[in-house]
């Protein structure tokens, strides 16, 4: 066995237990919050930490032992706040390094890097590796996952630069990757191609949001190339209804892809992309407990076995983190 870094320190992969591979604790634009503190919803630090603790305790009571939180630069990563939550819950939290963009890079990277005004090594790779090996921003918390994104705009120069830096950091450290994709544009296969060019082990790549698609041919191609399908937006019924998400998992199980899927919600305790009350009303099932309370019973009713559920929640995440 090997260990994976969590907010509270290294954890043997054999003790990860049941894992939700893609959840956020907070998605919060710190610059907006600091300058416009009541937009789009008021923010109270202690209240929001208490709320996160309560939600994670409820998740732990349902038998989930670990969550992976791929909140990176661009999504509002702030580790001291996550440490406050982690010290009060039993659930283990794996945090990530990387950069989340659909288009351009932050201005701090526009002129620094190979062939740019300030020529030199790729700073993104160096920063990601530092987060993994030394810890994040003096907190001592080391990243256990790498994260990037490719969306509707496709492989823009900024997106490609981040993706290649993530691939390089993976090759140097062995830390696995999760990539936000849009399956309707086939961007999962684009990500696999770029990662392969960088020498990435595709069995250590979770192609995120694959569960937004019912295109079994596309999903099988992703899995056949070695990567893990992130069936990780349960509860986001606006993007794909519950029954279709369940049907897709069942179809892939029946087709023999049980070892190529992980489950999650991509939910959060608080996200400032929408007014808080609007989000609650629009997607009432988009919360940490939906898989435990509704999805797993539906899968069992459709013939998926308890052992197959264990494969998706326990065995597959463990293999992803084993080096």
C-alpha atoms as a PDB file:
ATOM      1  CA  UNK A   1       0.000   0.000   0.000  1.00  0.00           C
ATOM      2  CA  UNK A   2       0.965   3.638  -0.460  1.00  0.00           C
ATOM      3  CA  UNK A   3      -0.358   6.779   1.138  1.00  0.00           C
ATOM      4  CA  UNK A   4      -2.259   9.788  -0.157  1.00  0.00           C
ATOM      5  CA  UNK A   5      -1.929  13.267   1.298  1.00  0.00           C
ATOM      6  CA  UNK A   6      -5.023  14.649   3.007  1.00  0.00           C
ATOM      7  CA  UNK A   7      -5.672  17.892   4.883  1.00  0.00           C
ATOM      8  CA  UNK A   8      -4.819  16.100   8.146  1.00  0.00           C
ATOM      9  CA  UNK A   9      -1.733  14.390   6.726  1.00  0.00           C
ATOM     10  CA  UNK A  10      -0.840  11.190   4.871  1.00  0.00           C
ATOM     11  CA  UNK A  11      -3.437   8.417   4.844  1.00  0.00           C
ATOM     12  CA  UNK A  12      -2.785   4.830   3.795  1.00  0.00           C
ATOM     13  CA  UNK A  13      -4.724   4.143   0.609  1.00  0.00           C
ATOM     14  CA  UNK A  14      -6.127   1.022   2.245  1.00  0.00           C
ATOM     15  CA  UNK A  15      -7.869   3.285   4.780  1.00  0.00           C
ATOM     16  CA  UNK A  16      -9.548   5.639   2.309  1.00  0.00           C
ATOM     17  CA  UNK A  17     -12.779   3.662   2.630  1.00  0.00           C
ATOM     18  CA  UNK A  18     -15.740   4.850   0.591  1.00  0.00           C
ATOM     19  CA  UNK A  19     -14.659   7.800  -1.536  1.00  0.00           C
ATOM     20  CA  UNK A  20     -16.551  10.475  -3.426  1.00  0.00           C
ATOM     21  CA  UNK A  21     -13.981  11.492  -6.021  1.00  0.00           C
ATOM     22  CA  UNK A  22     -15.219  14.981  -6.938  1.00  0.00           C
ATOM     23  CA  UNK A  23     -16.776  17.255  -4.318  1.00  0.00           C
ATOM     24  CA  UNK A  24     -16.078  20.847  -3.350  1.00  0.00           C
ATOM     25  CA  UNK A  25     -16.307  22.260   0.147  1.00  0.00           C
ATOM     26  CA  UNK A  26     -16.315  25.917  -0.972  1.00  0.00           C
ATOM     27  CA  UNK A  27     -16.279  27.488  -4.425  1.00  0.00           C
ATOM     28  CA  UNK A  28     -15.702  31.129  -3.655  1.00  0.00           C
ATOM     29  CA  UNK A  29     -14.143  33.951  -5.640  1.00  0.00           C
ATOM     30  CA  UNK A  30     -11.966  35.529  -2.978  1.00  0.00           C
ATOM     31  CA  UNK A  31     -11.309  38.747  -4.888  1.00  0.00           C
ATOM     32  CA  UNK A  32     -15.040  39.297  -5.453  1.00  0.00           C
ATOM     33  CA  UNK A  33     -15.850  38.345  -1.858  1.00  0.00           C
ATOM     34  CA  UNK A  34     -13.268  40.756  -0.490  1.00  0.00           C
ATOM     35  CA  UNK A  35     -14.415  43.703  -2.593  1.00  0.00           C
ATOM     36  CA  UNK A  36     -18.157  42.969  -2.923  1.00  0.00           C
ATOM     37  CA  UNK A  37     -18.820  40.908   0.213  1.00  0.00           C
ATOM     38  CA  UNK A  38     -22.597  40.608  -0.230  1.00  0.00           C
ATOM     39  CA  UNK A  39     -22.550  39.567  -3.894  1.00  0.00           C
ATOM     40  CA  UNK A  40     -24.221  37.362  -4.986  1.00  0.00           C
ATOM     41  CA  UNK A  41     -24.995  36.158  -1.428  1.00  0.00           C
ATOM     42  CA  UNK A  42     -23.869  37.408   1.984  1.00  0.00           C
ATOM     43  CA  UNK A  43     -20.861  35.641   3.466  1.00  0.00           C
ATOM     44  CA  UNK A  44     -20.330  34.893   7.142  1.00  0.00           C
ATOM     45  CA  UNK A  45     -17.087  32.954   7.701  1.00  0.00           C
ATOM     46  CA  UNK A  46     -18.025  31.179  10.934  1.00  0.00           C
ATOM     47  CA  UNK A  47     -21.542  30.383   9.753  1.00  0.00           C
ATOM     48  CA  UNK A  48     -20.294  28.884   6.503  1.00  0.00           C
ATOM     49  CA  UNK A  49     -17.608  26.793   8.280  1.00  0.00           C
ATOM     50  CA  UNK A  50     -20.225  25.497  10.740  1.00  0.00           C
ATOM     51  CA  UNK A  51     -22.524  24.654   7.830  1.00  0.00           C
ATOM     52  CA  UNK A  52     -19.753  22.739   6.037  1.00  0.00           C
ATOM     53  CA  UNK A  53     -18.952  20.799   9.203  1.00  0.00           C
ATOM     54  CA  UNK A  54     -22.608  19.817   9.611  1.00  0.00           C
ATOM     55  CA  UNK A  55     -22.892  18.691   5.990  1.00  0.00           C
ATOM     56  CA  UNK A  56     -19.714  16.634   6.102  1.00  0.00           C
ATOM     57  CA  UNK A  57     -20.770  15.024   9.373  1.00  0.00           C
ATOM     58  CA  UNK A  58     -24.067  14.032   7.754  1.00  0.00           C
ATOM     59  CA  UNK A  59     -22.124  12.557   4.848  1.00  0.00           C
ATOM     60  CA  UNK A  60     -19.856  10.634   7.208  1.00  0.00           C
ATOM     61  CA  UNK A  61     -22.894   9.217   8.996  1.00  0.00           C
ATOM     62  CA  UNK A  62     -23.956   7.734   5.655  1.00  0.00           C
ATOM     63  CA  UNK A  63     -20.750   5.738   5.433  1.00  0.00           C
ATOM     64  CA  UNK A  64     -18.597   7.986   3.243  1.00  0.00           C
ATOM     65  CA  UNK A  65     -15.048   8.159   4.565  1.00  0.00           C
ATOM     66  CA  UNK A  66     -13.188  10.438   2.124  1.00  0.00           C
ATOM     67  CA  UNK A  67     -13.890  13.194  -0.372  1.00  0.00           C
ATOM     68  CA  UNK A  68     -11.590  14.586  -3.036  1.00  0.00           C
ATOM     69  CA  UNK A  69     -11.927  18.369  -3.266  1.00  0.00           C
ATOM     70  CA  UNK A  70     -10.510  19.565  -6.625  1.00  0.00           C
ATOM     71  CA  UNK A  71     -10.894  23.260  -5.791  1.00  0.00           C
ATOM     72  CA  UNK A  72      -7.819  24.890  -7.337  1.00  0.00           C
ATOM     73  CA  UNK A  73      -6.745  28.334  -8.482  1.00  0.00           C
ATOM     74  CA  UNK A  74      -9.679  29.786 -10.402  1.00  0.00           C
ATOM     75  CA  UNK A  75     -12.214  28.187  -8.064  1.00  0.00           C
ATOM     76  CA  UNK A  76     -11.192  29.914  -4.843  1.00  0.00           C
ATOM     77  CA  UNK A  77      -8.852  27.482  -3.096  1.00  0.00           C
ATOM     78  CA  UNK A  78      -8.078  28.684   0.441  1.00  0.00           C
ATOM     79  CA  UNK A  79      -6.604  25.914   2.554  1.00  0.00           C
ATOM     80  CA  UNK A  80      -6.775  27.548   6.034  1.00  0.00           C
ATOM     81  CA  UNK A  81     -10.585  27.544   5.759  1.00  0.00           C
ATOM     82  CA  UNK A  82     -10.561  23.872   4.735  1.00  0.00           C
ATOM     83  CA  UNK A  83      -8.290  23.097   7.685  1.00  0.00           C
ATOM     84  CA  UNK A  84     -10.851  24.641  10.044  1.00  0.00           C
ATOM     85  CA  UNK A  85     -13.472  22.285   8.638  1.00  0.00           C
ATOM     86  CA  UNK A  86     -11.248  19.194   8.523  1.00  0.00           C
ATOM     87  CA  UNK A  87     -10.223  19.427  12.173  1.00  0.00           C
ATOM     88  CA  UNK A  88     -13.877  19.075  13.226  1.00  0.00           C
ATOM     89  CA  UNK A  89     -14.953  16.119  11.065  1.00  0.00           C
ATOM     90  CA  UNK A  90     -13.981  12.463  10.756  1.00  0.00           C
ATOM     91  CA  UNK A  91     -14.121  12.496   6.979  1.00  0.00           C
ATOM     92  CA  UNK A  92     -10.776  12.763   5.159  1.00  0.00           C
ATOM     93  CA  UNK A  93     -10.368  15.556   2.584  1.00  0.00           C
ATOM     94  CA  UNK A  94      -7.900  15.284  -0.299  1.00  0.00           C
ATOM     95  CA  UNK A  95      -7.154  18.679  -1.847  1.00  0.00           C
ATOM     96  CA  UNK A  96      -5.750  19.468  -5.273  1.00  0.00           C
ATOM     97  CA  UNK A  97      -3.332  21.659  -7.153  1.00  0.00           C
ATOM     98  CA  UNK A  98      -3.748  22.973 -10.653  1.00  0.00           C
ATOM     99  CA  UNK A  99      -5.555  25.785 -12.389  1.00  0.00           C
ATOM    100  CA  UNK A 100      -9.157  26.041 -13.570  1.00  0.00           C
ATOM    101  CA  UNK A 101      -9.736  27.996 -16.756  1.00  0.00           C
ATOM    102  CA  UNK A 102     -11.766  27.550 -19.933  1.00  0.00           C
ATOM    103  CA  UNK A 103      -9.743  30.142 -21.866  1.00  0.00           C
ATOM    104  CA  UNK A 104      -6.844  32.299 -20.729  1.00  0.00           C
ATOM    105  CA  UNK A 105      -4.350  32.133 -17.915  1.00  0.00           C
ATOM    106  CA  UNK A 106      -4.213  34.702 -15.114  1.00  0.00           C
ATOM    107  CA  UNK A 107      -2.109  37.722 -16.102  1.00  0.00           C
ATOM    108  CA  UNK A 108       0.650  36.640 -13.727  1.00  0.00           C
ATOM    109  CA  UNK A 109       1.542  33.886 -16.228  1.00  0.00           C
ATOM    110  CA  UNK A 110       1.180  35.774 -19.522  1.00  0.00           C
ATOM    111  CA  UNK A 111       4.807  36.893 -19.732  1.00  0.00           C
ATOM    112  CA  UNK A 112       6.660  34.233 -17.731  1.00  0.00           C
ATOM    113  CA  UNK A 113       7.569  30.854 -19.153  1.00  0.00           C
ATOM    114  CA  UNK A 114       9.216  29.122 -22.101  1.00  0.00           C
ATOM    115  CA  UNK A 115       9.687  31.515 -25.014  1.00  0.00           C
ATOM    116  CA  UNK A 116       7.945  34.415 -23.289  1.00  0.00           C
ATOM    117  CA  UNK A 117       9.172  37.845 -22.185  1.00  0.00           C
ATOM    118  CA  UNK A 118      10.715  36.335 -19.052  1.00  0.00           C
ATOM    119  CA  UNK A 119      12.034  33.139 -20.601  1.00  0.00           C
ATOM    120  CA  UNK A 120      12.553  30.082 -18.447  1.00  0.00           C
ATOM    121  CA  UNK A 121      10.973  26.874 -17.175  1.00  0.00           C
ATOM    122  CA  UNK A 122       7.184  26.557 -17.044  1.00  0.00           C
ATOM    123  CA  UNK A 123       6.234  28.188 -13.714  1.00  0.00           C
ATOM    124  CA  UNK A 124       2.912  26.330 -13.588  1.00  0.00           C
ATOM    125  CA  UNK A 125       4.680  22.966 -13.430  1.00  0.00           C
ATOM    126  CA  UNK A 126       7.034  24.219 -10.725  1.00  0.00           C
ATOM    127  CA  UNK A 127       4.168  25.597  -8.639  1.00  0.00           C
ATOM    128  CA  UNK A 128       2.085  22.429  -8.949  1.00  0.00           C
ATOM    129  CA  UNK A 129       5.021  20.234  -7.964  1.00  0.00           C
ATOM    130  CA  UNK A 130       5.792  22.493  -4.997  1.00  0.00           C
ATOM    131  CA  UNK A 131       2.178  22.147  -3.767  1.00  0.00           C
ATOM    132  CA  UNK A 132       2.574  18.369  -3.935  1.00  0.00           C
ATOM    133  CA  UNK A 133       6.026  18.018  -2.404  1.00  0.00           C
ATOM    134  CA  UNK A 134       6.271  20.935   0.037  1.00  0.00           C
ATOM    135  CA  UNK A 135       2.678  21.891   0.768  1.00  0.00           C
ATOM    136  CA  UNK A 136       0.333  24.701  -0.155  1.00  0.00           C
ATOM    137  CA  UNK A 137       1.108  28.312   0.810  1.00  0.00           C
ATOM    138  CA  UNK A 138       2.862  27.534   4.083  1.00  0.00           C
ATOM    139  CA  UNK A 139      -0.008  25.461   5.493  1.00  0.00           C
ATOM    140  CA  UNK A 140       1.878  22.161   5.420  1.00  0.00           C
ATOM    141  CA  UNK A 141      -1.077  20.623   3.545  1.00  0.00           C
ATOM    142  CA  UNK A 142       0.138  18.801   0.449  1.00  0.00           C
ATOM    143  CA  UNK A 143      -1.960  18.338  -2.659  1.00  0.00           C
ATOM    144  CA  UNK A 144      -2.993  14.767  -3.424  1.00  0.00           C
ATOM    145  CA  UNK A 145      -4.596  15.452  -6.815  1.00  0.00           C
ATOM    146  CA  UNK A 146      -3.936  17.509  -9.950  1.00  0.00           C
ATOM    147  CA  UNK A 147      -6.747  19.405 -11.689  1.00  0.00           C
ATOM    148  CA  UNK A 148      -7.319  21.187 -15.003  1.00  0.00           C
ATOM    149  CA  UNK A 149     -10.255  21.849 -17.325  1.00  0.00           C
ATOM    150  CA  UNK A 150     -11.267  21.852 -20.983  1.00  0.00           C
ATOM    151  CA  UNK A 151     -14.709  23.164 -21.893  1.00  0.00           C
ATOM    152  CA  UNK A 152     -16.687  24.542 -24.846  1.00  0.00           C
ATOM    153  CA  UNK A 153     -13.850  26.821 -26.088  1.00  0.00           C
ATOM    154  CA  UNK A 154     -11.705  23.707 -26.515  1.00  0.00           C
ATOM    155  CA  UNK A 155      -7.931  23.509 -26.407  1.00  0.00           C
ATOM    156  CA  UNK A 156      -7.143  27.226 -26.241  1.00  0.00           C
ATOM    157  CA  UNK A 157      -3.480  28.179 -25.742  1.00  0.00           C
ATOM    158  CA  UNK A 158      -4.144  28.863 -22.057  1.00  0.00           C
ATOM    159  CA  UNK A 159      -5.986  25.590 -21.505  1.00  0.00           C
ATOM    160  CA  UNK A 160      -3.283  23.616 -23.306  1.00  0.00           C
ATOM    161  CA  UNK A 161      -0.528  25.237 -21.271  1.00  0.00           C
ATOM    162  CA  UNK A 162      -2.244  24.314 -18.002  1.00  0.00           C
ATOM    163  CA  UNK A 163      -3.007  20.806 -19.217  1.00  0.00           C
ATOM    164  CA  UNK A 164       0.587  20.148 -20.244  1.00  0.00           C
ATOM    165  CA  UNK A 165       1.866  21.544 -16.940  1.00  0.00           C
ATOM    166  CA  UNK A 166      -0.512  19.237 -15.077  1.00  0.00           C
ATOM    167  CA  UNK A 167       0.727  16.322 -17.165  1.00  0.00           C
ATOM    168  CA  UNK A 168       4.351  17.213 -16.461  1.00  0.00           C
ATOM    169  CA  UNK A 169       3.675  17.501 -12.726  1.00  0.00           C
ATOM    170  CA  UNK A 170       2.000  14.079 -12.786  1.00  0.00           C
ATOM    171  CA  UNK A 171       4.990  12.502 -14.538  1.00  0.00           C
ATOM    172  CA  UNK A 172       7.346  14.063 -11.969  1.00  0.00           C
ATOM    173  CA  UNK A 173       5.330  13.156  -8.856  1.00  0.00           C
ATOM    174  CA  UNK A 174       2.965  10.296  -9.717  1.00  0.00           C
ATOM    175  CA  UNK A 175      -0.018  12.227  -8.336  1.00  0.00           C
ATOM    176  CA  UNK A 176      -3.239  11.421 -10.250  1.00  0.00           C
ATOM    177  CA  UNK A 177      -5.209  13.867 -12.378  1.00  0.00           C
ATOM    178  CA  UNK A 178      -8.833  14.872 -12.605  1.00  0.00           C
ATOM    179  CA  UNK A 179      -9.855  16.922 -15.622  1.00  0.00           C
ATOM    180  CA  UNK A 180     -13.103  18.844 -16.008  1.00  0.00           C
ATOM    181  CA  UNK A 181     -14.475  18.004 -19.450  1.00  0.00           C
ATOM    182  CA  UNK A 182     -17.553  18.612 -21.569  1.00  0.00           C
ATOM    183  CA  UNK A 183     -18.447  15.194 -22.995  1.00  0.00           C
ATOM    184  CA  UNK A 184     -20.774  16.749 -25.574  1.00  0.00           C
ATOM    185  CA  UNK A 185     -17.754  18.262 -27.329  1.00  0.00           C
ATOM    186  CA  UNK A 186     -15.566  15.166 -26.961  1.00  0.00           C
ATOM    187  CA  UNK A 187     -13.073  17.088 -24.858  1.00  0.00           C
ATOM    188  CA  UNK A 188     -12.245  14.031 -22.761  1.00  0.00           C
ATOM    189  CA  UNK A 189     -10.508  12.483 -25.756  1.00  0.00           C
ATOM    190  CA  UNK A 190      -8.656  15.735 -26.435  1.00  0.00           C
ATOM    191  CA  UNK A 191      -7.401  15.713 -22.844  1.00  0.00           C
ATOM    192  CA  UNK A 192      -6.289  12.086 -23.160  1.00  0.00           C
ATOM    193  CA  UNK A 193      -4.320  12.922 -26.312  1.00  0.00           C
ATOM    194  CA  UNK A 194      -2.504  15.847 -24.693  1.00  0.00           C
ATOM    195  CA  UNK A 195      -1.772  13.883 -21.524  1.00  0.00           C
ATOM    196  CA  UNK A 196      -0.434  10.943 -23.546  1.00  0.00           C
ATOM    197  CA  UNK A 197       1.919  13.310 -25.374  1.00  0.00           C
ATOM    198  CA  UNK A 198       3.297  14.353 -21.973  1.00  0.00           C
ATOM    199  CA  UNK A 199       3.822  10.729 -20.891  1.00  0.00           C
ATOM    200  CA  UNK A 200       0.913  10.592 -18.433  1.00  0.00           C
ATOM    201  CA  UNK A 201      -0.311   7.216 -17.191  1.00  0.00           C
ATOM    202  CA  UNK A 202      -3.916   7.425 -18.435  1.00  0.00           C
ATOM    203  CA  UNK A 203      -5.071   4.920 -15.811  1.00  0.00           C
ATOM    204  CA  UNK A 204      -4.394   7.687 -13.285  1.00  0.00           C
ATOM    205  CA  UNK A 205      -6.667  10.180 -15.045  1.00  0.00           C
ATOM    206  CA  UNK A 206     -10.297  10.731 -14.038  1.00  0.00           C
ATOM    207  CA  UNK A 207     -12.181  12.209 -16.989  1.00  0.00           C
ATOM    208  CA  UNK A 208     -14.567  14.363 -15.033  1.00  0.00           C
ATOM    209  CA  UNK A 209     -18.247  14.892 -15.809  1.00  0.00           C
ATOM    210  CA  UNK A 210     -18.418  11.900 -18.121  1.00  0.00           C
ATOM    211  CA  UNK A 211     -21.707  11.178 -16.377  1.00  0.00           C
ATOM    212  CA  UNK A 212     -23.265  14.183 -18.124  1.00  0.00           C
ATOM    213  CA  UNK A 213     -23.384  12.049 -21.282  1.00  0.00           C
ATOM    214  CA  UNK A 214     -25.484   9.077 -22.380  1.00  0.00           C
ATOM    215  CA  UNK A 215     -23.237   8.460 -25.409  1.00  0.00           C
ATOM    216  CA  UNK A 216     -22.019   4.957 -24.567  1.00  0.00           C
ATOM    217  CA  UNK A 217     -19.681   4.802 -27.573  1.00  0.00           C
ATOM    218  CA  UNK A 218     -17.840   7.921 -26.393  1.00  0.00           C
ATOM    219  CA  UNK A 219     -17.703   6.717 -22.803  1.00  0.00           C
ATOM    220  CA  UNK A 220     -16.371   3.313 -23.835  1.00  0.00           C
ATOM    221  CA  UNK A 221     -13.630   4.930 -25.909  1.00  0.00           C
ATOM    222  CA  UNK A 222     -12.506   6.982 -22.903  1.00  0.00           C
ATOM    223  CA  UNK A 223     -12.477   3.886 -20.710  1.00  0.00           C
ATOM    224  CA  UNK A 224     -10.823   1.675 -23.347  1.00  0.00           C
ATOM    225  CA  UNK A 225      -7.959   4.168 -23.534  1.00  0.00           C
ATOM    226  CA  UNK A 226      -7.385   3.469 -19.840  1.00  0.00           C
ATOM    227  CA  UNK A 227      -8.924   6.420 -18.010  1.00  0.00           C
ATOM    228  CA  UNK A 228     -11.575   6.486 -15.314  1.00  0.00           C
ATOM    229  CA  UNK A 229     -15.047   7.802 -16.061  1.00  0.00           C
ATOM    230  CA  UNK A 230     -16.143  10.420 -13.562  1.00  0.00           C
ATOM    231  CA  UNK A 231     -19.854   9.718 -13.083  1.00  0.00           C
ATOM    232  CA  UNK A 232     -19.669  12.667 -10.797  1.00  0.00           C
ATOM    233  CA  UNK A 233     -22.565  15.072 -11.239  1.00  0.00           C
ATOM    234  CA  UNK A 234     -25.391  13.198  -9.608  1.00  0.00           C
ATOM    235  CA  UNK A 235     -27.966  15.737  -8.470  1.00  0.00           C
ATOM    236  CA  UNK A 236     -27.310  18.192 -11.301  1.00  0.00           C
ATOM    237  CA  UNK A 237     -30.597  17.158 -12.871  1.00  0.00           C
ATOM    238  CA  UNK A 238     -30.758  20.332 -14.969  1.00  0.00           C
ATOM    239  CA  UNK A 239     -27.881  18.990 -17.069  1.00  0.00           C
ATOM    240  CA  UNK A 240     -29.068  15.367 -17.231  1.00  0.00           C
ATOM    241  CA  UNK A 241     -32.020  13.839 -15.385  1.00  0.00           C
ATOM    242  CA  UNK A 242     -31.538  11.350 -12.556  1.00  0.00           C
ATOM    243  CA  UNK A 243     -32.933   8.349 -14.443  1.00  0.00           C
ATOM    244  CA  UNK A 244     -30.618   8.854 -17.404  1.00  0.00           C
ATOM    245  CA  UNK A 245     -27.581   9.128 -15.150  1.00  0.00           C
ATOM    246  CA  UNK A 246     -28.532   5.887 -13.396  1.00  0.00           C
ATOM    247  CA  UNK A 247     -29.303   4.156 -16.707  1.00  0.00           C
ATOM    248  CA  UNK A 248     -25.879   5.074 -18.069  1.00  0.00           C
ATOM    249  CA  UNK A 249     -24.044   3.656 -15.057  1.00  0.00           C
ATOM    250  CA  UNK A 250     -26.106   0.468 -15.238  1.00  0.00           C
ATOM    251  CA  UNK A 251     -25.407   0.086 -18.964  1.00  0.00           C
ATOM    252  CA  UNK A 252     -21.659   0.481 -18.399  1.00  0.00           C
ATOM    253  CA  UNK A 253     -21.721  -2.020 -15.535  1.00  0.00           C
ATOM    254  CA  UNK A 254     -23.491  -4.520 -17.782  1.00  0.00           C
ATOM    255  CA  UNK A 255     -20.929  -3.861 -20.525  1.00  0.00           C
ATOM    256  CA  UNK A 256     -18.063  -4.736 -18.172  1.00  0.00           C
ATOM    257  CA  UNK A 257     -16.773  -1.269 -17.286  1.00  0.00           C
ATOM    258  CA  UNK A 258     -17.242  -1.513 -13.524  1.00  0.00           C
ATOM    259  CA  UNK A 259     -13.517  -0.929 -12.911  1.00  0.00           C
ATOM    260  CA  UNK A 260     -13.582   2.255 -14.990  1.00  0.00           C
ATOM    261  CA  UNK A 261     -16.083   4.342 -13.008  1.00  0.00           C
ATOM    262  CA  UNK A 262     -16.125   6.477  -9.874  1.00  0.00           C
ATOM    263  CA  UNK A 263     -19.147   8.235  -8.366  1.00  0.00           C
ATOM    264  CA  UNK A 264     -19.670  11.738  -7.009  1.00  0.00           C
ATOM    265  CA  UNK A 265     -21.852  14.871  -7.145  1.00  0.00           C
ATOM    266  CA  UNK A 266     -19.555  17.837  -7.896  1.00  0.00           C
ATOM    267  CA  UNK A 267     -21.553  19.469  -5.102  1.00  0.00           C
ATOM    268  CA  UNK A 268     -20.400  22.043  -2.571  1.00  0.00           C
ATOM    269  CA  UNK A 269     -21.391  23.436   0.790  1.00  0.00           C
ATOM    270  CA  UNK A 270     -21.339  26.924  -0.716  1.00  0.00           C
ATOM    271  CA  UNK A 271     -20.819  28.175  -4.258  1.00  0.00           C
ATOM    272  CA  UNK A 272     -20.941  31.841  -5.219  1.00  0.00           C
ATOM    273  CA  UNK A 273     -21.696  31.309  -8.898  1.00  0.00           C
ATOM    274  CA  UNK A 274     -25.408  31.767  -8.107  1.00  0.00           C
ATOM    275  CA  UNK A 275     -27.413  33.337  -5.289  1.00  0.00           C
ATOM    276  CA  UNK A 276     -27.487  30.698  -2.569  1.00  0.00           C
ATOM    277  CA  UNK A 277     -31.280  30.438  -2.361  1.00  0.00           C
ATOM    278  CA  UNK A 278     -31.648  30.216  -6.158  1.00  0.00           C
ATOM    279  CA  UNK A 279     -29.201  27.322  -6.320  1.00  0.00           C
ATOM    280  CA  UNK A 280     -31.044  25.457  -3.562  1.00  0.00           C
ATOM    281  CA  UNK A 281     -34.375  25.842  -5.355  1.00  0.00           C
ATOM    282  CA  UNK A 282     -33.116  25.008  -8.856  1.00  0.00           C
ATOM    283  CA  UNK A 283     -31.191  21.818  -8.021  1.00  0.00           C
ATOM    284  CA  UNK A 284     -32.522  20.471  -4.692  1.00  0.00           C
ATOM    285  CA  UNK A 285     -30.794  17.096  -5.130  1.00  0.00           C
ATOM    286  CA  UNK A 286     -27.369  18.625  -5.765  1.00  0.00           C
ATOM    287  CA  UNK A 287     -25.906  17.852  -2.342  1.00  0.00           C
ATOM    288  CA  UNK A 288     -23.502  15.424  -0.702  1.00  0.00           C
ATOM    289  CA  UNK A 289     -26.188  12.925   0.379  1.00  0.00           C
ATOM    290  CA  UNK A 290     -27.926  12.270  -2.940  1.00  0.00           C
ATOM    291  CA  UNK A 291     -25.772   9.280  -3.910  1.00  0.00           C
ATOM    292  CA  UNK A 292     -26.178   7.602  -0.527  1.00  0.00           C
ATOM    293  CA  UNK A 293     -29.893   8.322  -0.215  1.00  0.00           C
ATOM    294  CA  UNK A 294     -31.179   7.972  -3.778  1.00  0.00           C
ATOM    295  CA  UNK A 295     -28.561   6.824  -6.290  1.00  0.00           C
ATOM    296  CA  UNK A 296     -27.255   3.696  -4.580  1.00  0.00           C
ATOM    297  CA  UNK A 297     -30.770   2.342  -3.856  1.00  0.00           C
ATOM    298  CA  UNK A 298     -31.689   2.966  -7.500  1.00  0.00           C
ATOM    299  CA  UNK A 299     -28.582   1.142  -8.716  1.00  0.00           C
ATOM    300  CA  UNK A 300     -29.321  -1.825  -6.436  1.00  0.00           C
ATOM    301  CA  UNK A 301     -32.891  -1.928  -7.689  1.00  0.00           C
ATOM    302  CA  UNK A 302     -31.558  -2.058 -11.261  1.00  0.00           C
ATOM    303  CA  UNK A 303     -29.376  -5.098 -10.507  1.00  0.00           C
ATOM    304  CA  UNK A 304     -26.039  -3.514  -9.610  1.00  0.00           C
ATOM    305  CA  UNK A 305     -24.598  -5.532  -6.712  1.00  0.00           C
ATOM    306  CA  UNK A 306     -23.212  -4.346  -3.397  1.00  0.00           C
ATOM    307  CA  UNK A 307     -19.785  -5.606  -4.503  1.00  0.00           C
ATOM    308  CA  UNK A 308     -19.974  -3.559  -7.687  1.00  0.00           C
ATOM    309  CA  UNK A 309     -20.867  -0.472  -5.657  1.00  0.00           C
ATOM    310  CA  UNK A 310     -17.845  -1.178  -3.462  1.00  0.00           C
ATOM    311  CA  UNK A 311     -15.732  -1.381  -6.610  1.00  0.00           C
ATOM    312  CA  UNK A 312     -16.814   2.118  -7.683  1.00  0.00           C
ATOM    313  CA  UNK A 313     -16.625   3.724  -4.233  1.00  0.00           C
ATOM    314  CA  UNK A 314     -13.680   1.901  -2.629  1.00  0.00           C
ATOM    315  CA  UNK A 315     -11.544  -0.171  -4.995  1.00  0.00           C
ATOM    316  CA  UNK A 316     -11.321   2.185  -7.965  1.00  0.00           C
ATOM    317  CA  UNK A 317     -10.414   5.288  -5.917  1.00  0.00           C
ATOM    318  CA  UNK A 318      -7.801   3.285  -4.041  1.00  0.00           C
ATOM    319  CA  UNK A 319      -6.180   2.146  -7.300  1.00  0.00           C
ATOM    320  CA  UNK A 320      -6.144   5.703  -8.622  1.00  0.00           C
ATOM    321  CA  UNK A 321      -4.111   6.868  -5.622  1.00  0.00           C
ATOM    322  CA  UNK A 322      -1.786   3.867  -5.379  1.00  0.00           C
ATOM    323  CA  UNK A 323       1.599   4.583  -6.939  1.00  0.00           C
END
